[in-house]
Amino acid sequence: AHAERTAALQGSYYRGKVEATMCKNNLPAADGKLKGAAAAATVLKTISKSELASHNTPRSAWCAVHSTDASGKYTGGHVVLDITSFASKHPGGDLILLAAGKDASVLFETYHPRGVPHSLVKKLQIGVMEKGAYDNSFYSWDSDFYKVLKQRVCERIEEKGLQRRGSGEILIKALFLLAGFWYSLYHMYTQTNFTNAAIASVSMGIFAAMIGVNIQHDGNHGAFAKSKFINKFAGWTFDMIGGSAFTWELQHMLGHHPYTNVLDEVEHRRKEEEVDCKLEDKDQESDPDVFSSFPLMRMHPLHEVSWFHRYQHIYAPFLFALMTLAKVFQQDFEIILTGKLYHIDASVRYGSIWNVMRFWSMKLITMFYMMGLPIYFHGTVKGVGLFVLGHLAAGELLATMFIVNHVIEGVSYGHKSVTNDEGVKVAKPATIMGDTPMERTREQVLNGKADKSTVPSVPFDDWAAVQCQTSVNWSSGSWFWNHFSGGLSHQIEHHLFPSICHTNYCYIQEVVQKTCEEYGVPYQTEKSLWVAYGKMLNHLKFLGRTKQL
């Protein structure tokens, strides 16, 4: 029976256009009226972007999601949902509050691979967005590529008898990593020989990095366990190792994940000219990961080139080691004091006094046991040195595994607000060479078919296709490296399915790759982390010497 199910699933890869009925009719039409005779006379309120943005705190949380017509196709309109009260009942806990005050279509789609009941969306709906509110989005949702991909991945998880969220594997690994962190920290205190204390500090830093990618990463994505309380605890471990889970959520889940390698050209020009605007007027479709290190490092072709970027491939590995120190001592405090992370409003988290109290109390507590106690046992200079050494080890390991996934040879970038000579918006990711790999992969698939009409169409700016063009895997299919990296080795799968526990990625990888091949969507994977690291350095070298686009 198992063999029959497997054969049936494999056969589905090579069918023509597959109907993903599970995702259809999830959303009500954004026509300003509820369907049905009983609600025929009920006209829903039309809501502006500024009004939506004002409901961006845990006390008053509204969000917009794209709508569909009767056939399940996206209309281009958006419905507005009041999620304030529902947050306490939400299976994913207060993760849903990150959607407050903005267009949350990407979050809505990516965190619900099996779809959301139409009745629930209808119950939460309070209005519709004003016409054209989000017409300037970089992304398209017209293709069935992502719908089919979600259906097939869900089938594979069920076939393997896996849980979408949580697993025995991740729990065992979490207990080992937590024990390793505290054991290393204890020995850092108690070793009278400074060399041994330094070794324990490096060990503590490595365990902290592994907690970051294996526990808090899944916890804050709501994928560590089925229980929202366990997920919250897993996410809190980022605070435990000195960082801030709230900062991570803002940058990672509201910036990097939805808008990978995309940079808004208008906002970029404003920064260059030192012109600012209201937070609500800033475009949310921009990836902070590609500009947060600028001007020290140039990681996006839209950035201006400086003379020292010529050497960035040489000094980059040294800067990587400073990553966690910069976040702990600079970024975390900037966000809570200014109420924003670049173009991202932080009110969705720090609009709650309890979250503010958690931030400050955890900063004090972690500084006590990560710096205060080492100073007590070893003296000020050695104690601070041990603290810094642990962070350098953590930063180097974390940055190494993160950067190779999006800043590497062959990866594409999105330039929002770019237009061609005719003034038409261009929403087509391209490499630093100016080419679009998806043009080649699509052509290969079309040339291999006698009847080209059987090849399903996918726009270059399809959200899921863009994720595949802007992300790169390494050691694909490897169980060991998937566990070691917390799923970062399967970056494409992670970006497409952030709510799925990373222990499943090595099992769904084949499904994703074959579906990409069927649709002509790029799927770049490197043989190993070391190969990827070398290509990343070559990419930085090239970026440091090419002209600004």
Protein backbone atom coordinates (compact mmCIF):
# COMPACT_ATOMS: atom_id res chain seq x y z
CA ALA A 1 0.00 0.00 0.00
CA HIS A 2 2.87 2.32 0.83
CA ALA A 3 4.48 1.68 -2.57
CA GLU A 4 1.18 2.41 -4.33
CA ARG A 5 0.79 5.70 -2.47
CA THR A 6 4.38 6.68 -3.28
CA ALA A 7 3.94 5.85 -6.96
CA ALA A 8 0.74 7.86 -7.09
CA LEU A 9 2.42 10.84 -5.51
CA GLN A 10 5.42 10.67 -7.84
CA GLY A 11 3.13 10.47 -10.80
CA SER A 12 1.44 13.68 -9.76
CA TYR A 13 4.63 15.65 -10.43
CA TYR A 14 4.35 15.18 -14.14
CA ARG A 15 0.69 15.85 -14.60
CA GLY A 16 -0.31 19.03 -16.31
CA LYS A 17 -1.97 21.77 -14.35
CA VAL A 18 -3.15 20.37 -11.03
CA GLU A 19 -6.26 21.76 -9.41
CA ALA A 20 -5.45 22.69 -5.78
CA THR A 21 -9.02 22.69 -4.54
CA MET A 22 -8.04 22.83 -0.88
CA CYS A 23 -6.91 26.42 -1.30
CA LYS A 24 -9.88 27.65 -3.28
CA ASN A 25 -12.63 29.85 -1.93
CA ASN A 26 -10.77 30.60 1.26
CA LEU A 27 -11.42 34.30 1.02
CA PRO A 28 -14.54 36.40 0.49
CA ALA A 29 -14.72 38.63 -2.54
CA ALA A 30 -13.64 42.22 -1.91
CA ASP A 31 -16.72 43.71 -3.51
CA GLY A 32 -17.76 45.76 -0.48
CA LYS A 33 -20.67 43.45 0.36
CA LEU A 34 -21.10 40.14 2.15
CA LYS A 35 -22.57 37.38 0.04
CA GLY A 36 -25.90 35.85 0.76
CA ALA A 37 -29.42 37.21 0.84
CA ALA A 38 -29.30 37.86 4.58
CA ALA A 39 -26.36 40.23 4.18
CA ALA A 40 -27.32 41.74 0.85
CA ALA A 41 -28.08 45.11 2.38
CA THR A 42 -25.00 45.19 4.60
CA VAL A 43 -22.37 47.44 3.04
CA LEU A 44 -18.90 46.97 4.47
CA LYS A 45 -16.79 49.95 5.39
CA THR A 46 -14.07 51.06 2.98
CA ILE A 47 -10.81 51.46 4.87
CA SER A 48 -7.76 53.53 3.89
CA LYS A 49 -4.14 52.53 4.38
CA SER A 50 -3.67 55.20 7.05
CA GLU A 51 -6.69 53.96 9.01
CA LEU A 52 -5.48 50.38 8.76
CA ALA A 53 -2.01 51.43 9.92
CA SER A 54 -3.50 53.04 13.03
CA HIS A 55 -4.79 49.65 14.21
CA ASN A 56 -1.36 48.14 14.69
CA THR A 57 -1.12 47.25 18.38
CA PRO A 58 -2.16 44.22 20.44
CA ARG A 59 -5.01 46.35 21.82
CA SER A 60 -6.45 47.09 18.39
CA ALA A 61 -5.26 44.87 15.56
CA TRP A 62 -6.62 44.99 12.01
CA CYS A 63 -4.99 43.47 8.96
CA ALA A 64 -5.64 43.25 5.23
CA VAL A 65 -5.46 40.05 3.15
CA HIS A 66 -5.99 39.66 -0.57
CA SER A 67 -9.38 38.43 -1.71
CA THR A 68 -10.67 35.99 -4.30
CA ASP A 69 -13.61 35.83 -6.65
CA ALA A 70 -16.13 33.00 -6.84
CA SER A 71 -13.71 30.84 -8.86
CA GLY A 72 -10.93 31.17 -6.31
CA LYS A 73 -8.80 33.59 -8.35
CA TYR A 74 -7.29 36.62 -6.66
CA THR A 75 -9.14 39.81 -7.50
CA GLY A 76 -6.48 42.35 -6.62
CA GLY A 77 -8.69 43.67 -3.83
CA HIS A 78 -8.18 43.23 -0.11
CA VAL A 79 -10.52 42.48 2.77
CA VAL A 80 -9.88 43.85 6.26
CA LEU A 81 -10.01 41.57 9.30
CA ASP A 82 -10.24 42.51 12.97
CA ILE A 83 -7.94 40.01 14.70
CA THR A 84 -7.79 41.69 18.13
CA SER A 85 -10.00 39.28 20.04
CA PHE A 86 -9.22 36.28 17.85
CA ALA A 87 -5.52 36.42 18.80
CA SER A 88 -6.24 34.72 22.13
CA LYS A 89 -8.02 31.87 20.31
CA HIS A 90 -5.60 31.63 17.39
CA PRO A 91 -3.91 28.18 17.23
CA GLY A 92 -0.60 29.94 16.60
CA GLY A 93 -1.04 32.26 19.58
CA ASP A 94 -0.16 35.94 19.33
CA LEU A 95 1.93 35.27 16.23
CA ILE A 96 -1.08 36.57 14.32
CA LEU A 97 -0.64 40.04 15.86
CA LEU A 98 2.44 40.57 13.70
CA ALA A 99 -0.04 41.08 10.86
CA ALA A 100 -1.59 44.14 12.51
CA GLY A 101 -1.76 47.39 10.56
CA LYS A 102 -0.57 46.10 7.21
CA ASP A 103 -1.17 43.97 4.14
CA ALA A 104 -0.67 40.52 5.64
CA SER A 105 -1.36 38.49 2.49
CA VAL A 106 2.07 36.86 2.46
CA LEU A 107 1.81 35.87 6.13
CA PHE A 108 -1.72 34.59 5.55
CA GLU A 109 -0.66 32.37 2.66
CA THR A 110 2.66 31.06 3.96
CA TYR A 111 1.57 30.17 7.51
CA HIS A 112 -1.53 28.25 6.43
CA PRO A 113 -0.45 25.63 3.88
CA ARG A 114 -3.80 23.84 4.24
CA GLY A 115 -5.76 27.05 3.85
CA VAL A 116 -8.04 29.02 6.17
CA PRO A 117 -11.79 28.29 6.45
CA HIS A 118 -13.89 30.74 4.47
CA SER A 119 -16.33 30.97 7.37
CA LEU A 120 -13.60 32.19 9.73
CA VAL A 121 -12.37 34.89 7.37
CA LYS A 122 -15.97 36.01 6.82
CA LYS A 123 -16.54 36.17 10.57
CA LEU A 124 -13.47 38.36 11.13
CA GLN A 125 -14.08 40.65 8.16
CA ILE A 126 -15.03 44.24 9.05
CA GLY A 127 -14.43 46.01 5.76
CA VAL A 128 -12.55 46.25 2.47
CA MET A 129 -9.49 48.23 1.54
CA GLU A 130 -9.93 51.29 -0.62
CA LYS A 131 -9.49 50.55 -4.32
CA GLY A 132 -5.89 50.40 -5.45
CA ALA A 133 -4.47 50.43 -1.93
CA TYR A 134 -1.87 47.79 -2.75
CA ASP A 135 -1.69 47.97 -6.53
CA ASN A 136 2.04 48.71 -6.39
CA SER A 137 2.95 45.34 -4.89
CA PHE A 138 6.04 43.68 -6.34
CA TYR A 139 4.31 40.31 -6.29
CA SER A 140 1.74 38.43 -8.33
CA TRP A 141 -0.57 35.69 -7.00
CA ASP A 142 -2.21 34.72 -10.29
CA SER A 143 -0.41 31.40 -10.85
CA ASP A 144 -1.44 28.10 -9.29
CA PHE A 145 2.25 27.20 -8.67
CA TYR A 146 2.15 27.85 -4.92
CA LYS A 147 -1.27 26.28 -4.49
CA VAL A 148 -0.11 23.07 -6.15
CA LEU A 149 3.13 23.14 -4.21
CA LYS A 150 1.29 23.45 -0.88
CA GLN A 151 -1.03 20.61 -1.78
CA ARG A 152 1.81 18.28 -2.72
CA VAL A 153 3.88 19.11 0.35
CA CYS A 154 0.91 18.47 2.64
CA GLU A 155 0.37 15.13 0.89
CA ARG A 156 4.02 14.17 1.40
CA ILE A 157 3.89 15.02 5.11
CA GLU A 158 0.76 12.93 5.54
CA GLU A 159 2.23 10.07 3.51
CA LYS A 160 5.33 10.00 5.74
CA GLY A 161 3.22 10.13 8.89
CA LEU A 162 4.92 13.38 9.98
CA GLN A 163 3.58 16.27 12.01
CA ARG A 164 3.58 19.67 10.34
CA ARG A 165 4.58 21.36 13.59
CA GLY A 166 6.93 19.74 16.07
CA SER A 167 8.53 16.30 16.24
CA GLY A 168 10.30 14.00 18.65
CA GLU A 169 13.55 14.77 16.84
CA ILE A 170 13.41 18.50 17.51
CA LEU A 171 12.47 18.00 21.14
CA ILE A 172 15.43 15.68 21.83
CA LYS A 173 17.76 18.07 20.02
CA ALA A 174 16.42 21.03 21.97
CA LEU A 175 17.04 19.36 25.33
CA PHE A 176 20.62 18.51 24.28
CA LEU A 177 21.36 22.06 23.10
CA LEU A 178 19.90 23.71 26.20
CA ALA A 179 21.89 21.39 28.45
CA GLY A 180 25.04 22.11 26.45
CA PHE A 181 24.55 25.87 26.71
CA TRP A 182 24.10 25.91 30.49
CA TYR A 183 26.86 23.33 31.06
CA SER A 184 29.30 25.45 29.02
CA LEU A 185 28.22 28.61 30.82
CA TYR A 186 28.74 26.94 34.22
CA HIS A 187 32.24 25.83 33.27
CA MET A 188 33.03 29.29 31.98
CA TYR A 189 32.33 30.54 35.51
CA THR A 190 34.14 27.84 37.45
CA GLN A 191 37.28 27.10 35.41
CA THR A 192 40.22 28.67 37.27
CA ASN A 193 42.46 28.29 34.23
CA PHE A 194 41.57 31.12 31.81
CA THR A 195 42.35 29.02 28.73
CA ASN A 196 39.84 26.41 29.82
CA ALA A 197 37.33 29.16 30.62
CA ALA A 198 37.86 30.58 27.10
CA ILE A 199 37.22 27.15 25.56
CA ALA A 200 34.01 26.93 27.61
CA SER A 201 33.05 30.41 26.37
CA VAL A 202 33.49 29.38 22.74
CA SER A 203 31.46 26.24 23.46
CA MET A 204 28.74 28.39 25.03
CA GLY A 205 28.71 30.62 21.94
CA ILE A 206 28.38 27.66 19.59
CA PHE A 207 25.53 26.19 21.64
CA ALA A 208 23.86 29.64 21.71
CA ALA A 209 24.04 29.82 17.92
CA MET A 210 22.60 26.32 17.62
CA ILE A 211 19.76 27.26 19.99
CA GLY A 212 19.13 30.22 17.71
CA VAL A 213 18.76 28.19 14.52
CA ASN A 214 17.26 25.01 15.99
CA ILE A 215 14.93 26.13 18.79
CA GLN A 216 14.01 29.82 18.73
CA HIS A 217 13.82 29.87 14.93
CA ASP A 218 11.10 27.23 14.81
CA GLY A 219 9.47 28.53 18.00
CA ASN A 220 8.99 32.06 16.70
CA HIS A 221 7.74 30.68 13.39
CA GLY A 222 5.15 28.66 15.33
CA ALA A 223 6.68 25.40 14.04
CA PHE A 224 8.49 23.97 17.08
CA ALA A 225 5.37 22.29 18.52
CA LYS A 226 1.60 22.09 18.16
CA SER A 227 1.17 23.95 21.45
CA LYS A 228 1.31 27.73 21.15
CA PHE A 229 2.65 27.90 24.70
CA ILE A 230 5.58 25.59 23.91
CA ASN A 231 6.26 27.61 20.76
CA LYS A 232 6.30 30.77 22.83
CA PHE A 233 8.79 29.22 25.25
CA ALA A 234 10.96 28.01 22.37
CA GLY A 235 10.92 31.51 20.90
CA TRP A 236 11.84 32.96 24.31
CA THR A 237 15.14 31.05 24.24
CA PHE A 238 16.43 33.82 21.98
CA ASP A 239 15.99 36.19 24.93
CA MET A 240 17.69 33.57 27.11
CA ILE A 241 20.88 33.72 25.03
CA GLY A 242 20.94 37.53 25.13
CA GLY A 243 18.97 38.64 22.09
CA SER A 244 15.36 39.73 21.65
CA ALA A 245 12.75 37.48 20.07
CA PHE A 246 10.67 40.59 19.30
CA THR A 247 13.49 42.16 17.28
CA TRP A 248 13.96 38.89 15.42
CA GLU A 249 10.25 38.65 14.62
CA LEU A 250 10.15 42.18 13.25
CA GLN A 251 13.18 41.84 11.00
CA HIS A 252 12.84 38.22 10.03
CA MET A 253 9.11 37.62 9.76
CA LEU A 254 7.89 41.05 8.65
CA GLY A 255 10.86 42.04 6.51
CA HIS A 256 13.17 39.31 5.29
CA HIS A 257 10.79 36.38 4.85
CA PRO A 258 7.97 38.02 2.90
CA TYR A 259 10.22 40.25 0.74
CA THR A 260 13.45 38.32 0.29
CA ASN A 261 16.20 40.26 -1.54
CA VAL A 262 13.69 42.93 -2.59
CA LEU A 263 14.69 46.57 -2.19
CA ASP A 264 12.32 49.51 -2.65
CA GLU A 265 14.13 51.94 -4.92
CA VAL A 266 12.07 54.97 -3.86
CA GLU A 267 12.83 54.51 -0.17
CA HIS A 268 16.47 53.78 -0.99
CA ARG A 269 16.77 57.11 -2.85
CA ARG A 270 15.15 58.91 0.07
CA LYS A 271 17.79 57.51 2.42
CA GLU A 272 20.56 58.63 0.08
CA GLU A 273 19.08 62.13 0.03
CA GLU A 274 18.45 62.02 3.81
CA VAL A 275 14.73 62.55 3.26
CA ASP A 276 12.35 60.85 5.66
CA CYS A 277 8.59 60.32 5.65
CA LYS A 278 5.94 59.03 8.01
CA LEU A 279 6.28 55.39 8.97
CA GLU A 280 2.85 54.60 7.54
CA ASP A 281 3.94 56.00 4.17
CA LYS A 282 7.00 53.79 3.90
CA ASP A 283 6.69 50.78 1.62
CA GLN A 284 6.76 47.55 3.61
CA GLU A 285 8.01 45.47 0.69
CA SER A 286 11.73 45.71 1.38
CA ASP A 287 14.15 43.18 2.89
CA PRO A 288 16.14 44.65 5.81
CA ASP A 289 18.66 41.81 5.62
CA VAL A 290 20.12 43.17 2.36
CA PHE A 291 20.57 46.76 3.55
CA SER A 292 21.08 46.50 7.32
CA SER A 293 24.84 46.00 6.84
CA PHE A 294 25.18 48.86 4.34
CA PRO A 295 27.40 50.89 3.96
CA LEU A 296 29.95 48.56 5.62
CA MET A 297 28.96 45.85 3.18
CA ARG A 298 27.29 46.03 -0.20
CA MET A 299 24.91 43.09 -0.56
CA HIS A 300 22.42 44.47 -3.10
CA PRO A 301 23.28 45.75 -6.60
CA LEU A 302 21.08 48.83 -6.08
CA HIS A 303 23.44 50.13 -3.40
CA GLU A 304 26.14 52.67 -4.19
CA VAL A 305 29.67 51.29 -4.46
CA SER A 306 32.38 52.67 -2.17
CA TRP A 307 36.14 52.15 -2.52
CA PHE A 308 36.35 49.85 0.49
CA HIS A 309 33.74 47.45 -0.92
CA ARG A 310 36.52 46.23 -3.19
CA TYR A 311 37.86 44.42 -0.12
CA GLN A 312 34.59 43.31 1.45
CA HIS A 313 35.15 39.65 0.55
CA ILE A 314 38.29 39.84 2.72
CA TYR A 315 36.91 41.64 5.78
CA ALA A 316 33.40 40.12 5.65
CA PRO A 317 34.24 37.01 7.72
CA PHE A 318 35.56 39.27 10.49
CA LEU A 319 32.41 41.40 10.43
CA PHE A 320 30.26 38.27 10.59
CA ALA A 321 31.65 37.56 14.06
CA LEU A 322 30.28 40.90 15.30
CA MET A 323 26.71 40.14 14.22
CA THR A 324 25.24 39.11 17.58
CA LEU A 325 27.09 41.84 19.50
CA ALA A 326 25.65 44.45 17.14
CA LYS A 327 22.14 43.11 17.58
CA VAL A 328 22.35 42.76 21.38
CA PHE A 329 23.88 46.18 22.05
CA GLN A 330 22.61 48.29 19.17
CA GLN A 331 19.65 47.05 17.17
CA ASP A 332 17.57 45.72 20.07
CA PHE A 333 17.75 49.01 21.96
CA GLU A 334 17.24 51.19 18.88
CA ILE A 335 14.00 49.42 18.08
CA ILE A 336 12.41 49.65 21.53
CA LEU A 337 13.50 53.29 21.93
CA THR A 338 12.42 54.49 18.46
CA GLY A 339 9.43 52.17 18.00
CA LYS A 340 10.54 51.02 14.57
CA LEU A 341 12.97 48.81 12.69
CA TYR A 342 13.88 50.75 9.55
CA HIS A 343 10.54 50.83 7.66
CA ILE A 344 8.79 48.36 10.00
CA ASP A 345 6.52 49.62 12.79
CA ALA A 346 7.41 47.93 16.09
CA SER A 347 4.06 48.74 17.71
CA VAL A 348 2.79 45.25 16.89
CA ARG A 349 5.06 44.03 19.69
CA TYR A 350 6.05 46.99 21.82
CA GLY A 351 2.52 48.36 21.87
CA SER A 352 2.10 45.95 24.81
CA ILE A 353 3.48 46.99 28.20
CA TRP A 354 4.02 43.32 29.06
CA ASN A 355 6.26 42.88 26.05
CA VAL A 356 8.20 46.01 26.99
CA MET A 357 8.65 44.66 30.53
CA ARG A 358 9.79 41.31 29.15
CA PHE A 359 12.38 43.02 26.97
CA TRP A 360 13.99 45.06 29.75
CA SER A 361 13.82 42.34 32.39
CA MET A 362 15.43 39.74 30.10
CA LYS A 363 18.17 42.17 29.11
CA LEU A 364 19.02 42.70 32.79
CA ILE A 365 18.86 39.00 33.64
CA THR A 366 20.97 37.82 30.70
CA MET A 367 23.57 40.53 31.26
CA PHE A 368 23.84 39.29 34.85
CA TYR A 369 24.57 35.64 34.05
CA MET A 370 26.40 36.16 30.74
CA MET A 371 28.63 39.09 31.74
CA GLY A 372 28.13 39.87 35.43
CA LEU A 373 28.98 36.41 36.77
CA PRO A 374 32.04 35.96 34.51
CA ILE A 375 33.31 39.31 35.81
CA TYR A 376 32.67 38.16 39.39
CA PHE A 377 34.64 34.93 38.91
CA HIS A 378 37.43 36.15 36.61
CA GLY A 379 37.69 39.91 37.07
CA THR A 380 36.51 42.73 34.82
CA VAL A 381 38.90 42.39 31.89
CA LYS A 382 38.78 38.60 31.64
CA GLY A 383 35.06 38.49 32.37
CA VAL A 384 34.23 40.93 29.59
CA GLY A 385 36.67 39.09 27.33
CA LEU A 386 34.88 35.80 27.90
CA PHE A 387 31.52 37.43 27.15
CA VAL A 388 32.83 38.92 23.90
CA LEU A 389 34.56 35.68 22.89
CA GLY A 390 31.33 33.71 23.25
CA HIS A 391 29.49 36.25 21.10
CA LEU A 392 32.19 36.19 18.42
CA ALA A 393 31.85 32.41 18.14
CA ALA A 394 28.06 32.63 17.96
CA GLY A 395 28.08 35.47 15.44
CA GLU A 396 30.54 33.77 13.09
CA LEU A 397 28.59 30.51 13.01
CA LEU A 398 25.19 32.16 12.62
CA ALA A 399 26.26 34.58 9.90
CA THR A 400 28.04 31.83 7.97
CA MET A 401 24.93 29.67 7.77
CA PHE A 402 22.58 32.58 7.02
CA ILE A 403 24.38 34.65 4.41
CA VAL A 404 25.14 31.83 1.96
CA ASN A 405 21.42 31.34 1.41
CA HIS A 406 20.70 34.71 -0.19
CA VAL A 407 24.00 36.42 -1.06
CA ILE A 408 25.70 34.00 -3.43
CA GLU A 409 26.51 33.48 -7.10
CA GLY A 410 23.40 32.93 -9.21
CA VAL A 411 20.93 34.39 -6.74
CA SER A 412 18.42 37.00 -7.93
CA TYR A 413 17.39 40.37 -6.51
CA GLY A 414 14.18 42.34 -6.75
CA HIS A 415 14.20 46.07 -7.51
CA LYS A 416 10.85 47.51 -6.59
CA SER A 417 9.72 50.66 -8.43
CA VAL A 418 11.98 49.92 -11.42
CA THR A 419 10.39 50.81 -14.78
CA ASN A 420 11.42 50.17 -18.38
CA ASP A 421 11.88 52.74 -21.16
CA GLU A 422 8.11 52.82 -21.72
CA GLY A 423 7.46 53.62 -18.06
CA VAL A 424 5.95 50.19 -17.35
CA LYS A 425 6.72 48.64 -13.96
CA VAL A 426 9.27 45.83 -14.10
CA ALA A 427 8.67 43.11 -11.53
CA LYS A 428 11.22 40.56 -12.63
CA PRO A 429 14.01 39.43 -10.29
CA ALA A 430 17.48 39.55 -11.83
CA THR A 431 21.02 38.59 -10.88
CA ILE A 432 23.85 41.12 -10.51
CA MET A 433 24.65 40.37 -14.16
CA GLY A 434 21.18 41.64 -15.13
CA ASP A 435 19.83 38.31 -16.35
CA THR A 436 16.84 36.36 -15.04
CA PRO A 437 17.59 32.64 -14.53
CA MET A 438 13.87 31.84 -14.64
CA GLU A 439 13.83 32.82 -18.31
CA ARG A 440 16.24 29.94 -18.99
CA THR A 441 14.45 27.38 -16.80
CA ARG A 442 11.10 28.23 -18.36
CA GLU A 443 12.56 27.93 -21.85
CA GLN A 444 14.08 24.54 -21.01
CA VAL A 445 10.72 23.19 -19.86
CA LEU A 446 8.86 24.60 -22.89
CA ASN A 447 11.44 23.20 -25.32
CA GLY A 448 11.05 19.77 -23.76
CA LYS A 449 7.31 19.65 -24.46
CA ALA A 450 5.77 18.91 -27.84
CA ASP A 451 2.59 20.63 -26.68
CA LYS A 452 3.73 23.82 -24.94
CA SER A 453 0.19 24.53 -23.76
CA THR A 454 0.57 21.73 -21.21
CA VAL A 455 3.24 23.71 -19.34
CA PRO A 456 1.53 25.78 -16.66
CA SER A 457 2.26 29.49 -16.69
CA VAL A 458 4.15 31.17 -13.84
CA PRO A 459 4.82 34.93 -13.81
CA PHE A 460 8.37 36.01 -12.96
CA ASP A 461 6.99 37.95 -9.97
CA ASP A 462 4.87 35.10 -8.59
CA TRP A 463 5.56 35.26 -4.84
CA ALA A 464 6.60 31.60 -4.46
CA ALA A 465 8.66 31.71 -7.66
CA VAL A 466 10.48 34.79 -6.36
CA GLN A 467 11.35 32.92 -3.17
CA CYS A 468 12.93 30.20 -5.29
CA GLN A 469 14.86 32.78 -7.32
CA THR A 470 16.18 34.64 -4.28
CA SER A 471 17.09 31.64 -2.07
CA VAL A 472 19.71 28.93 -2.39
CA ASN A 473 20.03 25.51 -0.73
CA TRP A 474 23.16 23.60 0.20
CA SER A 475 23.51 19.87 0.96
CA SER A 476 19.92 19.36 -0.18
CA GLY A 477 18.29 16.20 1.12
CA SER A 478 20.90 15.62 3.83
CA TRP A 479 19.35 14.65 7.17
CA PHE A 480 22.53 15.54 9.10
CA TRP A 481 23.08 19.01 7.67
CA ASN A 482 19.38 19.77 7.89
CA HIS A 483 19.55 19.06 11.63
CA PHE A 484 22.87 20.83 12.12
CA SER A 485 21.66 24.02 10.43
CA GLY A 486 18.14 24.01 11.83
CA GLY A 487 16.79 23.69 8.29
CA LEU A 488 18.87 26.57 6.88
CA SER A 489 20.44 24.14 4.41
CA HIS A 490 16.94 23.83 2.92
CA GLN A 491 16.37 27.55 2.64
CA ILE A 492 14.00 27.32 -0.32
CA GLU A 493 11.71 24.93 1.55
CA HIS A 494 11.91 27.09 4.67
CA HIS A 495 10.92 30.28 2.87
CA LEU A 496 8.04 28.57 1.14
CA PHE A 497 6.85 26.79 4.31
CA PRO A 498 8.02 28.68 7.43
CA SER A 499 5.28 27.13 9.59
CA ILE A 500 6.51 23.58 8.91
CA CYS A 501 9.00 22.17 11.43
CA HIS A 502 12.52 22.16 9.97
CA THR A 503 12.97 18.45 10.73
CA ASN A 504 10.55 17.79 7.82
CA TYR A 505 12.50 19.70 5.18
CA CYS A 506 14.73 16.83 4.09
CA TYR A 507 11.55 14.80 3.43
CA ILE A 508 9.70 17.44 1.39
CA GLN A 509 12.77 18.69 -0.51
CA GLU A 510 12.26 16.29 -3.41
CA VAL A 511 8.64 17.40 -3.78
CA VAL A 512 9.60 21.06 -3.97
CA GLN A 513 12.46 20.52 -6.41
CA LYS A 514 10.43 18.36 -8.82
CA THR A 515 7.51 20.79 -8.76
CA CYS A 516 9.91 23.65 -9.56
CA GLU A 517 11.30 21.63 -12.47
CA GLU A 518 7.78 20.93 -13.74
CA TYR A 519 6.87 24.63 -13.72
CA GLY A 520 10.21 25.91 -14.97
CA VAL A 521 11.05 27.70 -11.72
CA PRO A 522 14.75 27.88 -10.71
CA TYR A 523 15.92 25.65 -7.88
CA GLN A 524 19.55 26.34 -7.01
CA THR A 525 21.35 24.02 -4.62
CA GLU A 526 25.05 23.80 -3.77
CA LYS A 527 26.90 20.58 -2.95
CA SER A 528 27.98 21.66 0.54
CA LEU A 529 28.25 24.56 2.97
CA TRP A 530 31.91 24.97 2.04
CA VAL A 531 31.14 25.25 -1.67
CA ALA A 532 28.36 27.73 -0.90
CA TYR A 533 30.68 29.75 1.35
CA GLY A 534 33.27 30.04 -1.39
CA LYS A 535 30.66 31.19 -3.91
CA MET A 536 29.35 33.68 -1.37
CA LEU A 537 32.81 35.26 -1.01
CA ASN A 538 33.22 35.41 -4.81
CA HIS A 539 29.80 37.05 -5.02
CA LEU A 540 30.76 39.68 -2.44
CA LYS A 541 33.97 40.30 -4.36
CA PHE A 542 32.03 40.87 -7.57
CA LEU A 543 29.46 43.09 -5.82
CA GLY A 544 32.31 45.19 -4.43
CA ARG A 545 33.62 45.97 -7.89
CA THR A 546 30.51 46.35 -10.06
CA LYS A 547 28.74 49.62 -10.69
CA GLN A 548 25.46 50.59 -9.05
CA LEU A 549 22.38 49.61 -11.05
